[in-house]
Amino acid sequence: MGRGTYSMMCRSVRATTDGYYSKPMDEIFTQNKAHVIHEAMRTQNVKIRESCDSVEHPNTTPIQLYLDDTGSMGRIPHEMIKDGLPTLVGKLIQNGVPDVALLFGAVGDHECDRFPLQIGQFESGDAELDMWLTRTYIEGNGGGNAGESYLLAWYFAAFHTKTDAFDKRGQKGFVFTVGDEPCLKVLPLSALKDIMGDAAVGQGSYTREELLEKAQEKNHVFHVHIKHGCRDIDPAWKEMLGDNLIVIDDYRELSNIISDTILSTLKISTTPLPPSSENSWDGIKEDSKEDTEIIL
């Protein structure tokens, strides 16, 4: 996947037409009304998600973004569809990362939730990215147990993604998990088979450390912990990720934090977003002034 271009003008029109700023979350994230996962985001029997180079996007930068869809984290997808997604993609484009291929995922709690993992496709176009994000079901449960299933993101990144960036150019992609809880310690085989069906990889359970190490082979792996102003951090996060643990108080900072982290890892200096960036990206690239369309 990864077709399409990112047009800030088209995206701005869609935000108004589809009511991203005016409608309540359940009218934008329509699976919330149905209380069920979107069929296209089910993980049973999903063998691979691919980020492929193309004539349109010859040097893809694969990014996997997994949002915690439990409890207080439900506000973040709404913020992403309003301002966060165009900020994230636009800032990368502005600073010289034109061929973004972004995959959205959602993680819950494999011990308690009906749908602990939801997976989209790697995409580059504004319409496609909006589509996958708004297909996410904000289950909002989680349990009173020891954490959430962020390790499912590492499992999927390790065993069920394939990128031309790594296979052709030896360049690692990016994996971000976002949440406010500890990470569950073990992914048992029974849960894995229930979530992945016949596509499940492995003959036994995985520890979170095993899955993290495996995901790190082809990705820069980060976790963004949202403190909500007061929530303590499980020390295990720092032990596992070191400097790749990012702690923020305000979830509205998320998109800027992710884009800055990617640019810093790629050793690209950042420049501030231009005025009125929510409506136009004129002037960022000379060849984009006439149609305000940014080719990813």
C-alpha atoms as a PDB file:
ATOM      1  CA  MET A   1       0.000   0.000   0.000  1.00  0.00           C
ATOM      2  CA  GLY A   2       1.048   3.642   0.298  1.00  0.00           C
ATOM      3  CA  ARG A   3      -0.638   5.106  -2.762  1.00  0.00           C
ATOM      4  CA  GLY A   4      -1.882   8.658  -3.087  1.00  0.00           C
ATOM      5  CA  THR A   5      -0.626  12.129  -2.304  1.00  0.00           C
ATOM      6  CA  TYR A   6      -1.140  14.328   0.726  1.00  0.00           C
ATOM      7  CA  SER A   7      -3.054  17.495  -0.183  1.00  0.00           C
ATOM      8  CA  MET A   8      -3.461  19.991   2.638  1.00  0.00           C
ATOM      9  CA  MET A   9      -6.194  21.772   0.692  1.00  0.00           C
ATOM     10  CA  CYS A  10      -8.242  18.597   0.185  1.00  0.00           C
ATOM     11  CA  ARG A  11      -7.650  17.622   3.784  1.00  0.00           C
ATOM     12  CA  SER A  12      -8.853  21.025   5.021  1.00  0.00           C
ATOM     13  CA  VAL A  13     -12.013  20.788   2.917  1.00  0.00           C
ATOM     14  CA  ARG A  14     -12.697  17.270   4.204  1.00  0.00           C
ATOM     15  CA  ALA A  15     -12.239  18.344   7.807  1.00  0.00           C
ATOM     16  CA  THR A  16     -14.966  20.940   7.317  1.00  0.00           C
ATOM     17  CA  THR A  17     -17.277  18.769   5.208  1.00  0.00           C
ATOM     18  CA  ASP A  18     -17.041  15.734   7.492  1.00  0.00           C
ATOM     19  CA  GLY A  19     -17.290  17.780  10.667  1.00  0.00           C
ATOM     20  CA  TYR A  20     -13.981  16.909  12.284  1.00  0.00           C
ATOM     21  CA  TYR A  21     -14.235  20.043  14.437  1.00  0.00           C
ATOM     22  CA  SER A  22     -17.986  20.241  14.903  1.00  0.00           C
ATOM     23  CA  LYS A  23     -19.267  16.685  15.310  1.00  0.00           C
ATOM     24  CA  PRO A  24     -18.979  14.533  18.444  1.00  0.00           C
ATOM     25  CA  MET A  25     -16.436  11.742  18.328  1.00  0.00           C
ATOM     26  CA  ASP A  26     -18.964   8.930  17.826  1.00  0.00           C
ATOM     27  CA  GLU A  27     -20.220  10.560  14.626  1.00  0.00           C
ATOM     28  CA  ILE A  28     -16.701  10.655  13.213  1.00  0.00           C
ATOM     29  CA  PHE A  29     -15.528   7.286  14.519  1.00  0.00           C
ATOM     30  CA  THR A  30     -18.617   5.430  13.364  1.00  0.00           C
ATOM     31  CA  GLN A  31     -17.521   2.031  14.707  1.00  0.00           C
ATOM     32  CA  ASN A  32     -18.130   3.457  18.178  1.00  0.00           C
ATOM     33  CA  LYS A  33     -21.851   3.473  17.478  1.00  0.00           C
ATOM     34  CA  ALA A  34     -21.732  -0.104  16.249  1.00  0.00           C
ATOM     35  CA  HIS A  35     -19.559  -1.189  19.214  1.00  0.00           C
ATOM     36  CA  VAL A  36     -17.568  -3.467  16.948  1.00  0.00           C
ATOM     37  CA  ILE A  37     -14.276  -3.442  15.076  1.00  0.00           C
ATOM     38  CA  HIS A  38     -14.270  -2.496  11.386  1.00  0.00           C
ATOM     39  CA  GLU A  39     -13.966  -5.609   9.254  1.00  0.00           C
ATOM     40  CA  ALA A  40     -10.970  -4.201   7.380  1.00  0.00           C
ATOM     41  CA  MET A  41      -9.048  -3.742  10.648  1.00  0.00           C
ATOM     42  CA  ARG A  42      -9.504  -7.265  11.966  1.00  0.00           C
ATOM     43  CA  THR A  43      -6.218  -9.081  12.474  1.00  0.00           C
ATOM     44  CA  GLN A  44      -7.300 -12.702  12.136  1.00  0.00           C
ATOM     45  CA  ASN A  45      -5.290 -14.296   9.352  1.00  0.00           C
ATOM     46  CA  VAL A  46      -3.458 -11.085   8.390  1.00  0.00           C
ATOM     47  CA  LYS A  47      -0.084 -12.353   7.246  1.00  0.00           C
ATOM     48  CA  ILE A  48       1.606  -9.114   6.200  1.00  0.00           C
ATOM     49  CA  ARG A  49       1.237  -5.354   5.823  1.00  0.00           C
ATOM     50  CA  GLU A  50       3.639  -3.885   3.259  1.00  0.00           C
ATOM     51  CA  SER A  51       5.234  -0.483   2.796  1.00  0.00           C
ATOM     52  CA  CYS A  52       6.411  -0.484  -0.821  1.00  0.00           C
ATOM     53  CA  ASP A  53       8.400   2.027  -2.852  1.00  0.00           C
ATOM     54  CA  SER A  54       6.853   3.268  -6.102  1.00  0.00           C
ATOM     55  CA  VAL A  55       7.429   5.809  -8.831  1.00  0.00           C
ATOM     56  CA  GLU A  56       5.242   8.153  -6.809  1.00  0.00           C
ATOM     57  CA  HIS A  57       7.068   7.388  -3.545  1.00  0.00           C
ATOM     58  CA  PRO A  58      10.574   6.095  -4.347  1.00  0.00           C
ATOM     59  CA  ASN A  59      12.083   6.373  -0.846  1.00  0.00           C
ATOM     60  CA  THR A  60       9.361   5.462   1.615  1.00  0.00           C
ATOM     61  CA  THR A  61       9.783   6.099   5.339  1.00  0.00           C
ATOM     62  CA  PRO A  62       7.527   3.545   7.074  1.00  0.00           C
ATOM     63  CA  ILE A  63       5.920   4.683  10.320  1.00  0.00           C
ATOM     64  CA  GLN A  64       3.679   2.552  12.506  1.00  0.00           C
ATOM     65  CA  LEU A  65       1.590   4.436  15.063  1.00  0.00           C
ATOM     66  CA  TYR A  66      -0.315   2.377  17.629  1.00  0.00           C
ATOM     67  CA  LEU A  67      -2.783   4.251  19.825  1.00  0.00           C
ATOM     68  CA  ASP A  68      -4.077   2.902  23.126  1.00  0.00           C
ATOM     69  CA  ASP A  69      -7.870   2.789  22.676  1.00  0.00           C
ATOM     70  CA  THR A  70      -8.732   2.178  26.333  1.00  0.00           C
ATOM     71  CA  GLY A  71     -10.126   4.492  29.005  1.00  0.00           C
ATOM     72  CA  SER A  72      -8.779   8.039  29.110  1.00  0.00           C
ATOM     73  CA  MET A  73      -6.777   7.520  25.909  1.00  0.00           C
ATOM     74  CA  GLY A  74      -9.935   7.733  23.782  1.00  0.00           C
ATOM     75  CA  ARG A  75      -9.476  11.480  23.317  1.00  0.00           C
ATOM     76  CA  ILE A  76      -6.298  11.037  21.299  1.00  0.00           C
ATOM     77  CA  PRO A  77      -7.792   9.636  18.039  1.00  0.00           C
ATOM     78  CA  HIS A  78     -10.237  12.565  18.053  1.00  0.00           C
ATOM     79  CA  GLU A  79      -7.378  15.020  18.463  1.00  0.00           C
ATOM     80  CA  MET A  80      -5.459  13.245  15.692  1.00  0.00           C
ATOM     81  CA  ILE A  81      -8.293  13.572  13.188  1.00  0.00           C
ATOM     82  CA  LYS A  82      -8.804  17.256  14.029  1.00  0.00           C
ATOM     83  CA  ASP A  83      -5.268  18.628  14.041  1.00  0.00           C
ATOM     84  CA  GLY A  84      -2.740  15.951  14.852  1.00  0.00           C
ATOM     85  CA  LEU A  85      -2.557  14.034  11.585  1.00  0.00           C
ATOM     86  CA  PRO A  86      -1.996  17.001   9.244  1.00  0.00           C
ATOM     87  CA  THR A  87       0.494  18.428  11.728  1.00  0.00           C
ATOM     88  CA  LEU A  88       2.430  15.161  11.881  1.00  0.00           C
ATOM     89  CA  VAL A  89       2.548  14.510   8.139  1.00  0.00           C
ATOM     90  CA  GLY A  90       2.968  18.153   7.174  1.00  0.00           C
ATOM     91  CA  LYS A  91       5.901  18.722   9.478  1.00  0.00           C
ATOM     92  CA  LEU A  92       7.713  15.696   8.090  1.00  0.00           C
ATOM     93  CA  ILE A  93       7.141  16.866   4.528  1.00  0.00           C
ATOM     94  CA  GLN A  94       8.255  20.389   5.291  1.00  0.00           C
ATOM     95  CA  ASN A  95      11.509  19.126   6.752  1.00  0.00           C
ATOM     96  CA  GLY A  96      12.499  16.826   3.910  1.00  0.00           C
ATOM     97  CA  VAL A  97      10.760  13.480   4.525  1.00  0.00           C
ATOM     98  CA  PRO A  98       8.479  13.423   1.473  1.00  0.00           C
ATOM     99  CA  ASP A  99       7.667   9.718   1.106  1.00  0.00           C
ATOM    100  CA  VAL A 100       5.889   9.005   4.386  1.00  0.00           C
ATOM    101  CA  ALA A 101       4.045   5.674   4.623  1.00  0.00           C
ATOM    102  CA  LEU A 102       1.965   5.646   7.794  1.00  0.00           C
ATOM    103  CA  LEU A 103       0.130   2.691   9.320  1.00  0.00           C
ATOM    104  CA  PHE A 104      -2.414   3.199  12.098  1.00  0.00           C
ATOM    105  CA  GLY A 105      -3.035   0.547  14.703  1.00  0.00           C
ATOM    106  CA  ALA A 106      -4.940   0.419  17.982  1.00  0.00           C
ATOM    107  CA  VAL A 107      -4.057  -1.640  21.030  1.00  0.00           C
ATOM    108  CA  GLY A 108      -6.140  -2.611  24.024  1.00  0.00           C
ATOM    109  CA  ASP A 109      -5.856  -5.365  26.603  1.00  0.00           C
ATOM    110  CA  HIS A 110      -5.571  -8.954  25.381  1.00  0.00           C
ATOM    111  CA  GLU A 111      -6.641 -10.216  28.825  1.00  0.00           C
ATOM    112  CA  CYS A 112      -9.893  -8.253  28.907  1.00  0.00           C
ATOM    113  CA  ASP A 113     -10.911  -6.628  25.614  1.00  0.00           C
ATOM    114  CA  ARG A 114     -12.881  -8.033  22.708  1.00  0.00           C
ATOM    115  CA  PHE A 115     -10.612  -6.378  20.139  1.00  0.00           C
ATOM    116  CA  PRO A 116      -7.133  -5.907  21.600  1.00  0.00           C
ATOM    117  CA  LEU A 117      -5.477  -5.207  18.242  1.00  0.00           C
ATOM    118  CA  GLN A 118      -6.713  -3.309  15.188  1.00  0.00           C
ATOM    119  CA  ILE A 119      -4.559  -2.790  12.102  1.00  0.00           C
ATOM    120  CA  GLY A 120      -4.820  -0.513   9.069  1.00  0.00           C
ATOM    121  CA  GLN A 121      -2.566  -0.320   6.018  1.00  0.00           C
ATOM    122  CA  PHE A 122       0.520   1.730   5.192  1.00  0.00           C
ATOM    123  CA  GLU A 123      -0.794   4.809   3.375  1.00  0.00           C
ATOM    124  CA  SER A 124       0.469   8.135   2.054  1.00  0.00           C
ATOM    125  CA  GLY A 125      -2.621   9.983   0.801  1.00  0.00           C
ATOM    126  CA  ASP A 126      -4.673  12.329   2.970  1.00  0.00           C
ATOM    127  CA  ALA A 127      -7.967  10.576   2.179  1.00  0.00           C
ATOM    128  CA  GLU A 128      -6.582   7.111   2.875  1.00  0.00           C
ATOM    129  CA  LEU A 129      -4.983   8.119   6.163  1.00  0.00           C
ATOM    130  CA  ASP A 130      -8.188   9.783   7.353  1.00  0.00           C
ATOM    131  CA  MET A 131     -10.136   6.682   6.355  1.00  0.00           C
ATOM    132  CA  TRP A 132      -8.032   4.281   8.429  1.00  0.00           C
ATOM    133  CA  LEU A 133      -7.915   6.569  11.425  1.00  0.00           C
ATOM    134  CA  THR A 134     -11.689   7.070  11.515  1.00  0.00           C
ATOM    135  CA  ARG A 135     -12.279   3.344  11.086  1.00  0.00           C
ATOM    136  CA  THR A 136     -10.678   2.769  14.485  1.00  0.00           C
ATOM    137  CA  TYR A 137     -13.042   1.489  17.156  1.00  0.00           C
ATOM    138  CA  ILE A 138     -12.347   3.261  20.452  1.00  0.00           C
ATOM    139  CA  GLU A 139     -13.261   0.296  22.639  1.00  0.00           C
ATOM    140  CA  GLY A 140     -12.557   2.207  25.836  1.00  0.00           C
ATOM    141  CA  ASN A 141     -12.310  -0.781  28.143  1.00  0.00           C
ATOM    142  CA  GLY A 142      -9.033  -2.177  29.415  1.00  0.00           C
ATOM    143  CA  GLY A 143      -9.090  -3.925  32.724  1.00  0.00           C
ATOM    144  CA  GLY A 144      -8.006  -3.540  36.299  1.00  0.00           C
ATOM    145  CA  ASN A 145      -5.002  -5.747  35.627  1.00  0.00           C
ATOM    146  CA  ALA A 146      -1.286  -5.002  35.291  1.00  0.00           C
ATOM    147  CA  GLY A 147      -1.384  -2.908  32.119  1.00  0.00           C
ATOM    148  CA  GLU A 148      -2.266  -2.860  28.434  1.00  0.00           C
ATOM    149  CA  SER A 149      -1.082  -4.864  25.436  1.00  0.00           C
ATOM    150  CA  TYR A 150       1.485  -2.550  23.852  1.00  0.00           C
ATOM    151  CA  LEU A 151       3.550  -5.675  23.201  1.00  0.00           C
ATOM    152  CA  LEU A 152       1.002  -6.599  20.510  1.00  0.00           C
ATOM    153  CA  ALA A 153       2.306  -3.673  18.456  1.00  0.00           C
ATOM    154  CA  TRP A 154       5.835  -5.022  18.769  1.00  0.00           C
ATOM    155  CA  TYR A 155       4.641  -8.486  17.788  1.00  0.00           C
ATOM    156  CA  PHE A 156       2.892  -7.171  14.670  1.00  0.00           C
ATOM    157  CA  ALA A 157       5.807  -4.947  13.687  1.00  0.00           C
ATOM    158  CA  ALA A 158       8.236  -7.838  14.103  1.00  0.00           C
ATOM    159  CA  PHE A 159       6.368 -10.587  12.305  1.00  0.00           C
ATOM    160  CA  HIS A 160       3.672  -9.082  10.098  1.00  0.00           C
ATOM    161  CA  THR A 161       5.189  -6.065   8.347  1.00  0.00           C
ATOM    162  CA  LYS A 162       7.490  -5.842   5.351  1.00  0.00           C
ATOM    163  CA  THR A 163       9.132  -2.633   4.143  1.00  0.00           C
ATOM    164  CA  ASP A 164      11.165  -1.754   1.092  1.00  0.00           C
ATOM    165  CA  ALA A 165      12.995   0.791   3.223  1.00  0.00           C
ATOM    166  CA  PHE A 166      14.675  -2.011   5.139  1.00  0.00           C
ATOM    167  CA  ASP A 167      14.743  -4.759   2.523  1.00  0.00           C
ATOM    168  CA  LYS A 168      16.116  -2.572  -0.288  1.00  0.00           C
ATOM    169  CA  ARG A 169      18.024   0.166   1.533  1.00  0.00           C
ATOM    170  CA  GLY A 170      18.744  -1.218   4.995  1.00  0.00           C
ATOM    171  CA  GLN A 171      16.849   1.692   6.598  1.00  0.00           C
ATOM    172  CA  LYS A 172      14.898   1.079   9.753  1.00  0.00           C
ATOM    173  CA  GLY A 173      11.296   2.202  10.018  1.00  0.00           C
ATOM    174  CA  PHE A 174       9.600   3.715  13.054  1.00  0.00           C
ATOM    175  CA  VAL A 175       7.228   2.177  15.582  1.00  0.00           C
ATOM    176  CA  PHE A 176       5.431   4.346  18.126  1.00  0.00           C
ATOM    177  CA  THR A 177       3.123   3.095  20.840  1.00  0.00           C
ATOM    178  CA  VAL A 178       1.132   5.686  22.778  1.00  0.00           C
ATOM    179  CA  GLY A 179      -0.478   5.059  26.148  1.00  0.00           C
ATOM    180  CA  ASP A 180      -0.711   5.763  29.850  1.00  0.00           C
ATOM    181  CA  GLU A 181      -0.323   2.323  31.449  1.00  0.00           C
ATOM    182  CA  PRO A 182       2.347  -0.325  32.066  1.00  0.00           C
ATOM    183  CA  CYS A 183       2.965  -2.925  29.374  1.00  0.00           C
ATOM    184  CA  LEU A 184       1.697  -6.436  30.053  1.00  0.00           C
ATOM    185  CA  LYS A 185       4.591  -8.838  30.492  1.00  0.00           C
ATOM    186  CA  VAL A 186       3.602 -11.877  28.444  1.00  0.00           C
ATOM    187  CA  LEU A 187       1.679 -12.603  25.249  1.00  0.00           C
ATOM    188  CA  PRO A 188       0.482 -16.200  25.658  1.00  0.00           C
ATOM    189  CA  LEU A 189       0.065 -18.485  22.692  1.00  0.00           C
ATOM    190  CA  SER A 190      -3.669 -18.831  23.347  1.00  0.00           C
ATOM    191  CA  ALA A 191      -4.191 -15.076  23.058  1.00  0.00           C
ATOM    192  CA  LEU A 192      -1.952 -14.850  20.011  1.00  0.00           C
ATOM    193  CA  LYS A 193      -3.922 -17.508  18.155  1.00  0.00           C
ATOM    194  CA  ASP A 194      -7.199 -15.873  19.109  1.00  0.00           C
ATOM    195  CA  ILE A 195      -6.022 -12.486  17.832  1.00  0.00           C
ATOM    196  CA  MET A 196      -4.128 -13.577  14.713  1.00  0.00           C
ATOM    197  CA  GLY A 197      -5.824 -16.840  13.760  1.00  0.00           C
ATOM    198  CA  ASP A 198      -3.902 -18.961  11.287  1.00  0.00           C
ATOM    199  CA  ALA A 199      -1.378 -16.161  10.770  1.00  0.00           C
ATOM    200  CA  ALA A 200      -0.031 -16.478  14.326  1.00  0.00           C
ATOM    201  CA  VAL A 201       3.767 -16.785  14.379  1.00  0.00           C
ATOM    202  CA  GLY A 202       5.542 -18.947  16.922  1.00  0.00           C
ATOM    203  CA  GLN A 203       4.959 -22.101  18.887  1.00  0.00           C
ATOM    204  CA  GLY A 204       4.750 -20.623  22.368  1.00  0.00           C
ATOM    205  CA  SER A 205       4.314 -17.493  24.459  1.00  0.00           C
ATOM    206  CA  TYR A 206       6.410 -14.351  24.023  1.00  0.00           C
ATOM    207  CA  THR A 207       7.697 -12.028  26.697  1.00  0.00           C
ATOM    208  CA  ARG A 208       7.515  -8.298  26.088  1.00  0.00           C
ATOM    209  CA  GLU A 209      11.317  -8.140  26.041  1.00  0.00           C
ATOM    210  CA  GLU A 210      11.495 -10.772  23.304  1.00  0.00           C
ATOM    211  CA  LEU A 211       8.965  -8.938  21.160  1.00  0.00           C
ATOM    212  CA  LEU A 212      10.610  -5.559  21.681  1.00  0.00           C
ATOM    213  CA  GLU A 213      13.998  -6.938  20.676  1.00  0.00           C
ATOM    214  CA  LYS A 214      12.510  -8.533  17.589  1.00  0.00           C
ATOM    215  CA  ALA A 215      10.700  -5.339  16.553  1.00  0.00           C
ATOM    216  CA  GLN A 216      13.910  -3.348  17.028  1.00  0.00           C
ATOM    217  CA  GLU A 217      15.711  -5.396  14.409  1.00  0.00           C
ATOM    218  CA  LYS A 218      13.997  -3.441  11.612  1.00  0.00           C
ATOM    219  CA  ASN A 219      12.577  -0.429  13.442  1.00  0.00           C
ATOM    220  CA  HIS A 220      13.377   2.429  15.757  1.00  0.00           C
ATOM    221  CA  VAL A 221      10.913   1.685  18.555  1.00  0.00           C
ATOM    222  CA  PHE A 222       9.526   4.390  20.852  1.00  0.00           C
ATOM    223  CA  HIS A 223       6.841   4.603  23.498  1.00  0.00           C
ATOM    224  CA  VAL A 224       5.070   7.868  24.312  1.00  0.00           C
ATOM    225  CA  HIS A 225       3.683   7.869  27.836  1.00  0.00           C
ATOM    226  CA  ILE A 226       0.867  10.362  28.448  1.00  0.00           C
ATOM    227  CA  LYS A 227       0.941  11.476  32.084  1.00  0.00           C
ATOM    228  CA  HIS A 228      -2.336  13.435  32.001  1.00  0.00           C
ATOM    229  CA  GLY A 229      -0.637  15.711  34.514  1.00  0.00           C
ATOM    230  CA  CYS A 230      -0.382  13.146  37.299  1.00  0.00           C
ATOM    231  CA  ARG A 231      -0.104   9.518  36.222  1.00  0.00           C
ATOM    232  CA  ASP A 232       3.021   7.682  37.409  1.00  0.00           C
ATOM    233  CA  ILE A 233       5.231   5.793  34.977  1.00  0.00           C
ATOM    234  CA  ASP A 234       6.078   2.131  35.357  1.00  0.00           C
ATOM    235  CA  PRO A 235       9.897   2.008  35.801  1.00  0.00           C
ATOM    236  CA  ALA A 236       9.973  -0.966  33.434  1.00  0.00           C
ATOM    237  CA  TRP A 237       9.387   1.392  30.504  1.00  0.00           C
ATOM    238  CA  LYS A 238      12.707   3.108  31.121  1.00  0.00           C
ATOM    239  CA  GLU A 239      14.454  -0.214  31.647  1.00  0.00           C
ATOM    240  CA  MET A 240      13.184  -1.521  28.311  1.00  0.00           C
ATOM    241  CA  LEU A 241      13.472   1.569  26.124  1.00  0.00           C
ATOM    242  CA  GLY A 242      15.977   3.915  27.731  1.00  0.00           C
ATOM    243  CA  ASP A 243      16.023   7.204  25.837  1.00  0.00           C
ATOM    244  CA  ASN A 244      13.317   5.905  23.492  1.00  0.00           C
ATOM    245  CA  LEU A 245      10.770   6.429  26.255  1.00  0.00           C
ATOM    246  CA  ILE A 246       9.094   9.804  25.732  1.00  0.00           C
ATOM    247  CA  VAL A 247       6.988  11.307  28.522  1.00  0.00           C
ATOM    248  CA  ILE A 248       4.529  14.139  27.922  1.00  0.00           C
ATOM    249  CA  ASP A 249       1.779  15.743  30.012  1.00  0.00           C
ATOM    250  CA  ASP A 250      -0.486  17.004  27.250  1.00  0.00           C
ATOM    251  CA  TYR A 251      -1.748  14.590  24.589  1.00  0.00           C
ATOM    252  CA  ARG A 252      -2.123  17.533  22.208  1.00  0.00           C
ATOM    253  CA  GLU A 253       1.675  17.609  21.971  1.00  0.00           C
ATOM    254  CA  LEU A 254       1.746  14.118  20.485  1.00  0.00           C
ATOM    255  CA  SER A 255       1.988  14.884  16.760  1.00  0.00           C
ATOM    256  CA  ASN A 256       4.784  17.408  17.168  1.00  0.00           C
ATOM    257  CA  ILE A 257       6.661  15.033  19.484  1.00  0.00           C
ATOM    258  CA  ILE A 258       6.441  12.155  16.997  1.00  0.00           C
ATOM    259  CA  SER A 259       7.502  14.232  14.006  1.00  0.00           C
ATOM    260  CA  ASP A 260      10.381  15.812  15.952  1.00  0.00           C
ATOM    261  CA  THR A 261      11.516  12.388  17.136  1.00  0.00           C
ATOM    262  CA  ILE A 262      11.566  11.016  13.586  1.00  0.00           C
ATOM    263  CA  LEU A 263      13.443  14.030  12.274  1.00  0.00           C
ATOM    264  CA  SER A 264      15.950  13.877  15.130  1.00  0.00           C
ATOM    265  CA  THR A 265      16.552  10.167  14.540  1.00  0.00           C
ATOM    266  CA  LEU A 266      17.094  10.874  10.846  1.00  0.00           C
ATOM    267  CA  LYS A 267      19.367  13.759  11.885  1.00  0.00           C
ATOM    268  CA  ILE A 268      17.232  16.374  10.167  1.00  0.00           C
ATOM    269  CA  SER A 269      16.954  19.810  11.767  1.00  0.00           C
ATOM    270  CA  THR A 270      13.398  21.007  12.231  1.00  0.00           C
ATOM    271  CA  THR A 271      11.885  24.308  11.185  1.00  0.00           C
ATOM    272  CA  PRO A 272       8.638  25.733  12.563  1.00  0.00           C
ATOM    273  CA  LEU A 273       5.360  25.191  10.760  1.00  0.00           C
ATOM    274  CA  PRO A 274       4.371  28.140   8.553  1.00  0.00           C
ATOM    275  CA  PRO A 275       1.453  30.416   9.478  1.00  0.00           C
ATOM    276  CA  SER A 276      -1.998  29.126   8.487  1.00  0.00           C
ATOM    277  CA  SER A 277      -0.514  25.645   8.073  1.00  0.00           C
ATOM    278  CA  GLU A 278      -3.893  24.092   8.752  1.00  0.00           C
ATOM    279  CA  ASN A 279      -5.193  25.409   5.425  1.00  0.00           C
ATOM    280  CA  SER A 280      -2.256  25.765   3.065  1.00  0.00           C
ATOM    281  CA  TRP A 281       1.307  24.630   2.490  1.00  0.00           C
ATOM    282  CA  ASP A 282       2.077  27.137  -0.257  1.00  0.00           C
ATOM    283  CA  GLY A 283       5.743  27.976  -0.428  1.00  0.00           C
ATOM    284  CA  ILE A 284       7.095  24.804   1.164  1.00  0.00           C
ATOM    285  CA  LYS A 285       7.967  23.368  -2.212  1.00  0.00           C
ATOM    286  CA  GLU A 286       8.189  25.494  -5.317  1.00  0.00           C
ATOM    287  CA  ASP A 287       6.485  22.869  -7.440  1.00  0.00           C
ATOM    288  CA  SER A 288       3.520  22.625  -5.049  1.00  0.00           C
ATOM    289  CA  LYS A 289       2.450  26.296  -5.065  1.00  0.00           C
ATOM    290  CA  GLU A 290      -0.154  26.025  -7.777  1.00  0.00           C
ATOM    291  CA  ASP A 291      -2.138  23.060  -6.514  1.00  0.00           C
ATOM    292  CA  THR A 292      -1.115  23.048  -2.816  1.00  0.00           C
ATOM    293  CA  GLU A 293      -0.664  19.328  -3.155  1.00  0.00           C
ATOM    294  CA  ILE A 294       2.277  17.708  -1.444  1.00  0.00           C
ATOM    295  CA  ILE A 295       3.583  14.547  -3.016  1.00  0.00           C
ATOM    296  CA  LEU A 296       4.539  12.058  -0.373  1.00  0.00           C
END
